[in-house]
Amino acid sequence: MISIRGTLKQFTGRVSWALRKIRAGIAFPALLIPYVTGTSSIGSTIFSGLWSVILSLFKSISAGLGSMFQQMMSGFGRSVVLMFQSFGFSMTGYGVWAPMMFVVGLGTGILVGYLFFTFIDAEKDVTGFENDI
């Protein structure tokens, strides 16, 4: 069973090992991560300055991605609304028979597709191609 204490002990052990390697000058990230002591505020100031720059960079990136996503979704929504509005306006001449004309149009489309595959024999071309391969 995994306990929180055991996991925390492993994590702190790995962090202390990494810090010893960094302080020993073995690892390159020692140049990037300032070592903060209890009496010095210079390391804290440098770290907070770098952290604020990184956070402002991520905030601007996320704001840009958010506005791009919002524009894409609103554009898609406007196109769907335009499609349904134009379909509805094209059916105004039929009045109460508009739903019936919709079903008739859909049925006609299905019938044309069925006749295409039956009379032109496009299905055999597809299955024959599959058998040849």
C-alpha atoms as a PDB file:
ATOM      1  CA  MET A   1       0.000   0.000   0.000  1.00  0.00           C
ATOM      2  CA  ILE A   2       1.298   3.451  -0.850  1.00  0.00           C
ATOM      3  CA  SER A   3       1.280   5.937   1.989  1.00  0.00           C
ATOM      4  CA  ILE A   4       1.538   9.692   1.839  1.00  0.00           C
ATOM      5  CA  ARG A   5       4.463   9.694   4.287  1.00  0.00           C
ATOM      6  CA  GLY A   6       6.436   7.209   2.201  1.00  0.00           C
ATOM      7  CA  THR A   7       5.760   9.121  -0.980  1.00  0.00           C
ATOM      8  CA  LEU A   8       6.679  12.412   0.695  1.00  0.00           C
ATOM      9  CA  LYS A   9       9.899  10.871   2.063  1.00  0.00           C
ATOM     10  CA  GLN A  10      10.870   9.631  -1.415  1.00  0.00           C
ATOM     11  CA  PHE A  11      10.079  13.007  -2.960  1.00  0.00           C
ATOM     12  CA  THR A  12      12.092  14.974  -0.380  1.00  0.00           C
ATOM     13  CA  GLY A  13      14.962  12.502  -0.779  1.00  0.00           C
ATOM     14  CA  ARG A  14      15.041  13.042  -4.519  1.00  0.00           C
ATOM     15  CA  VAL A  15      14.822  16.822  -4.131  1.00  0.00           C
ATOM     16  CA  SER A  16      17.646  16.912  -1.582  1.00  0.00           C
ATOM     17  CA  TRP A  17      19.774  14.671  -3.842  1.00  0.00           C
ATOM     18  CA  ALA A  18      19.154  17.015  -6.789  1.00  0.00           C
ATOM     19  CA  LEU A  19      19.996  20.074  -4.698  1.00  0.00           C
ATOM     20  CA  ARG A  20      23.258  18.497  -3.535  1.00  0.00           C
ATOM     21  CA  LYS A  21      24.217  17.801  -7.156  1.00  0.00           C
ATOM     22  CA  ILE A  22      23.309  21.341  -8.158  1.00  0.00           C
ATOM     23  CA  ARG A  23      25.305  22.871  -5.284  1.00  0.00           C
ATOM     24  CA  ALA A  24      28.241  20.647  -6.158  1.00  0.00           C
ATOM     25  CA  GLY A  25      28.266  22.160  -9.649  1.00  0.00           C
ATOM     26  CA  ILE A  26      27.539  18.902 -11.455  1.00  0.00           C
ATOM     27  CA  ALA A  27      24.226  19.875 -13.038  1.00  0.00           C
ATOM     28  CA  PHE A  28      23.709  22.797 -15.417  1.00  0.00           C
ATOM     29  CA  PRO A  29      20.363  23.959 -13.949  1.00  0.00           C
ATOM     30  CA  ALA A  30      22.297  25.506 -11.059  1.00  0.00           C
ATOM     31  CA  LEU A  31      22.755  28.528 -13.318  1.00  0.00           C
ATOM     32  CA  LEU A  32      19.006  28.843 -13.831  1.00  0.00           C
ATOM     33  CA  ILE A  33      17.710  28.160 -10.312  1.00  0.00           C
ATOM     34  CA  PRO A  34      18.908  30.655  -7.713  1.00  0.00           C
ATOM     35  CA  TYR A  35      19.825  29.192  -4.361  1.00  0.00           C
ATOM     36  CA  VAL A  36      17.896  31.005  -1.635  1.00  0.00           C
ATOM     37  CA  THR A  37      19.243  31.112   1.910  1.00  0.00           C
ATOM     38  CA  GLY A  38      17.425  32.262   4.997  1.00  0.00           C
ATOM     39  CA  THR A  39      19.450  35.456   5.368  1.00  0.00           C
ATOM     40  CA  SER A  40      19.608  36.612   1.724  1.00  0.00           C
ATOM     41  CA  SER A  41      16.727  38.234  -0.124  1.00  0.00           C
ATOM     42  CA  ILE A  42      18.623  38.698  -3.396  1.00  0.00           C
ATOM     43  CA  GLY A  43      17.910  35.146  -4.564  1.00  0.00           C
ATOM     44  CA  SER A  44      14.267  35.557  -3.646  1.00  0.00           C
ATOM     45  CA  THR A  45      14.067  38.825  -5.568  1.00  0.00           C
ATOM     46  CA  ILE A  46      15.690  37.316  -8.654  1.00  0.00           C
ATOM     47  CA  PHE A  47      13.438  34.277  -8.505  1.00  0.00           C
ATOM     48  CA  SER A  48      10.263  36.342  -8.062  1.00  0.00           C
ATOM     49  CA  GLY A  49      11.288  38.608 -10.952  1.00  0.00           C
ATOM     50  CA  LEU A  50      11.896  35.658 -13.256  1.00  0.00           C
ATOM     51  CA  TRP A  51       8.698  34.002 -12.077  1.00  0.00           C
ATOM     52  CA  SER A  52       6.660  37.133 -12.831  1.00  0.00           C
ATOM     53  CA  VAL A  53       8.132  37.278 -16.349  1.00  0.00           C
ATOM     54  CA  ILE A  54       7.290  33.602 -16.934  1.00  0.00           C
ATOM     55  CA  LEU A  55       3.768  34.033 -15.554  1.00  0.00           C
ATOM     56  CA  SER A  56       3.115  37.093 -17.727  1.00  0.00           C
ATOM     57  CA  LEU A  57       4.325  35.115 -20.759  1.00  0.00           C
ATOM     58  CA  PHE A  58       1.976  32.205 -19.984  1.00  0.00           C
ATOM     59  CA  LYS A  59      -0.909  34.598 -19.284  1.00  0.00           C
ATOM     60  CA  SER A  60      -0.481  36.301 -22.653  1.00  0.00           C
ATOM     61  CA  ILE A  61      -0.232  32.940 -24.443  1.00  0.00           C
ATOM     62  CA  SER A  62      -3.337  31.593 -22.709  1.00  0.00           C
ATOM     63  CA  ALA A  63      -5.251  34.814 -23.398  1.00  0.00           C
ATOM     64  CA  GLY A  64      -4.320  34.580 -27.090  1.00  0.00           C
ATOM     65  CA  LEU A  65      -5.324  30.937 -27.317  1.00  0.00           C
ATOM     66  CA  GLY A  66      -8.573  31.669 -25.479  1.00  0.00           C
ATOM     67  CA  SER A  67      -9.535  34.474 -27.833  1.00  0.00           C
ATOM     68  CA  MET A  68      -8.624  32.343 -30.860  1.00  0.00           C
ATOM     69  CA  PHE A  69     -10.758  29.462 -29.570  1.00  0.00           C
ATOM     70  CA  GLN A  70     -13.638  31.866 -28.859  1.00  0.00           C
ATOM     71  CA  GLN A  71     -13.449  33.301 -32.389  1.00  0.00           C
ATOM     72  CA  MET A  72     -13.395  29.831 -33.957  1.00  0.00           C
ATOM     73  CA  MET A  73     -16.378  28.621 -31.952  1.00  0.00           C
ATOM     74  CA  SER A  74     -18.403  31.782 -32.516  1.00  0.00           C
ATOM     75  CA  GLY A  75     -17.651  31.608 -36.254  1.00  0.00           C
ATOM     76  CA  PHE A  76     -18.811  27.994 -36.347  1.00  0.00           C
ATOM     77  CA  GLY A  77     -21.930  28.884 -34.372  1.00  0.00           C
ATOM     78  CA  ARG A  78     -22.748  31.803 -36.682  1.00  0.00           C
ATOM     79  CA  SER A  79     -22.396  29.561 -39.748  1.00  0.00           C
ATOM     80  CA  VAL A  80     -24.737  26.944 -38.251  1.00  0.00           C
ATOM     81  CA  VAL A  81     -27.276  29.655 -37.370  1.00  0.00           C
ATOM     82  CA  LEU A  82     -27.030  31.093 -40.892  1.00  0.00           C
ATOM     83  CA  MET A  83     -27.593  27.647 -42.418  1.00  0.00           C
ATOM     84  CA  PHE A  84     -30.714  26.963 -40.347  1.00  0.00           C
ATOM     85  CA  GLN A  85     -32.066  30.468 -40.897  1.00  0.00           C
ATOM     86  CA  SER A  86     -31.658  30.250 -44.650  1.00  0.00           C
ATOM     87  CA  PHE A  87     -33.268  26.797 -44.634  1.00  0.00           C
ATOM     88  CA  GLY A  88     -36.169  28.127 -42.579  1.00  0.00           C
ATOM     89  CA  PHE A  89     -36.604  31.169 -44.804  1.00  0.00           C
ATOM     90  CA  SER A  90     -36.600  28.970 -47.905  1.00  0.00           C
ATOM     91  CA  MET A  91     -39.490  26.961 -46.437  1.00  0.00           C
ATOM     92  CA  THR A  92     -41.701  29.991 -45.686  1.00  0.00           C
ATOM     93  CA  GLY A  93     -43.465  29.663 -49.031  1.00  0.00           C
ATOM     94  CA  TYR A  94     -44.815  26.259 -48.059  1.00  0.00           C
ATOM     95  CA  GLY A  95     -46.444  27.367 -44.796  1.00  0.00           C
ATOM     96  CA  VAL A  96     -47.673  24.466 -42.689  1.00  0.00           C
ATOM     97  CA  TRP A  97     -46.468  21.999 -45.312  1.00  0.00           C
ATOM     98  CA  ALA A  98     -42.819  22.896 -44.676  1.00  0.00           C
ATOM     99  CA  PRO A  99     -42.078  19.792 -42.522  1.00  0.00           C
ATOM    100  CA  MET A 100     -43.667  17.576 -45.151  1.00  0.00           C
ATOM    101  CA  MET A 101     -41.545  19.193 -47.878  1.00  0.00           C
ATOM    102  CA  PHE A 102     -38.452  18.615 -45.738  1.00  0.00           C
ATOM    103  CA  VAL A 103     -39.246  14.895 -45.485  1.00  0.00           C
ATOM    104  CA  VAL A 104     -39.971  14.719 -49.216  1.00  0.00           C
ATOM    105  CA  GLY A 105     -36.646  16.429 -50.011  1.00  0.00           C
ATOM    106  CA  LEU A 106     -34.751  14.089 -47.721  1.00  0.00           C
ATOM    107  CA  GLY A 107     -36.488  11.041 -49.215  1.00  0.00           C
ATOM    108  CA  THR A 108     -35.699  12.236 -52.734  1.00  0.00           C
ATOM    109  CA  GLY A 109     -32.033  12.548 -51.838  1.00  0.00           C
ATOM    110  CA  ILE A 110     -31.962   9.022 -50.423  1.00  0.00           C
ATOM    111  CA  LEU A 111     -33.771   7.676 -53.515  1.00  0.00           C
ATOM    112  CA  VAL A 112     -31.285   9.327 -55.870  1.00  0.00           C
ATOM    113  CA  GLY A 113     -28.389   7.799 -53.922  1.00  0.00           C
ATOM    114  CA  TYR A 114     -30.006   4.368 -54.025  1.00  0.00           C
ATOM    115  CA  LEU A 115     -30.636   4.605 -57.763  1.00  0.00           C
ATOM    116  CA  PHE A 116     -27.070   5.771 -58.315  1.00  0.00           C
ATOM    117  CA  PHE A 117     -25.666   2.675 -56.610  1.00  0.00           C
ATOM    118  CA  THR A 118     -28.182   0.354 -58.253  1.00  0.00           C
ATOM    119  CA  PHE A 119     -28.281   1.449 -61.897  1.00  0.00           C
ATOM    120  CA  ILE A 120     -24.826   2.832 -62.395  1.00  0.00           C
ATOM    121  CA  ASP A 121     -23.374  -0.146 -60.557  1.00  0.00           C
ATOM    122  CA  ALA A 122     -20.884   1.870 -58.561  1.00  0.00           C
ATOM    123  CA  GLU A 123     -21.042  -0.623 -55.732  1.00  0.00           C
ATOM    124  CA  LYS A 124     -19.570  -3.416 -57.853  1.00  0.00           C
ATOM    125  CA  ASP A 125     -16.706  -1.147 -58.830  1.00  0.00           C
ATOM    126  CA  VAL A 126     -15.914  -0.604 -55.168  1.00  0.00           C
ATOM    127  CA  THR A 127     -16.239  -4.283 -54.198  1.00  0.00           C
ATOM    128  CA  GLY A 128     -14.352  -5.417 -57.287  1.00  0.00           C
ATOM    129  CA  PHE A 129     -11.527  -3.060 -56.412  1.00  0.00           C
ATOM    130  CA  GLU A 130     -11.452  -4.504 -52.879  1.00  0.00           C
ATOM    131  CA  ASN A 131     -11.303  -8.055 -54.271  1.00  0.00           C
ATOM    132  CA  ASP A 132      -8.506  -7.133 -56.667  1.00  0.00           C
ATOM    133  CA  ILE A 133      -6.396  -5.839 -53.833  1.00  0.00           C
END
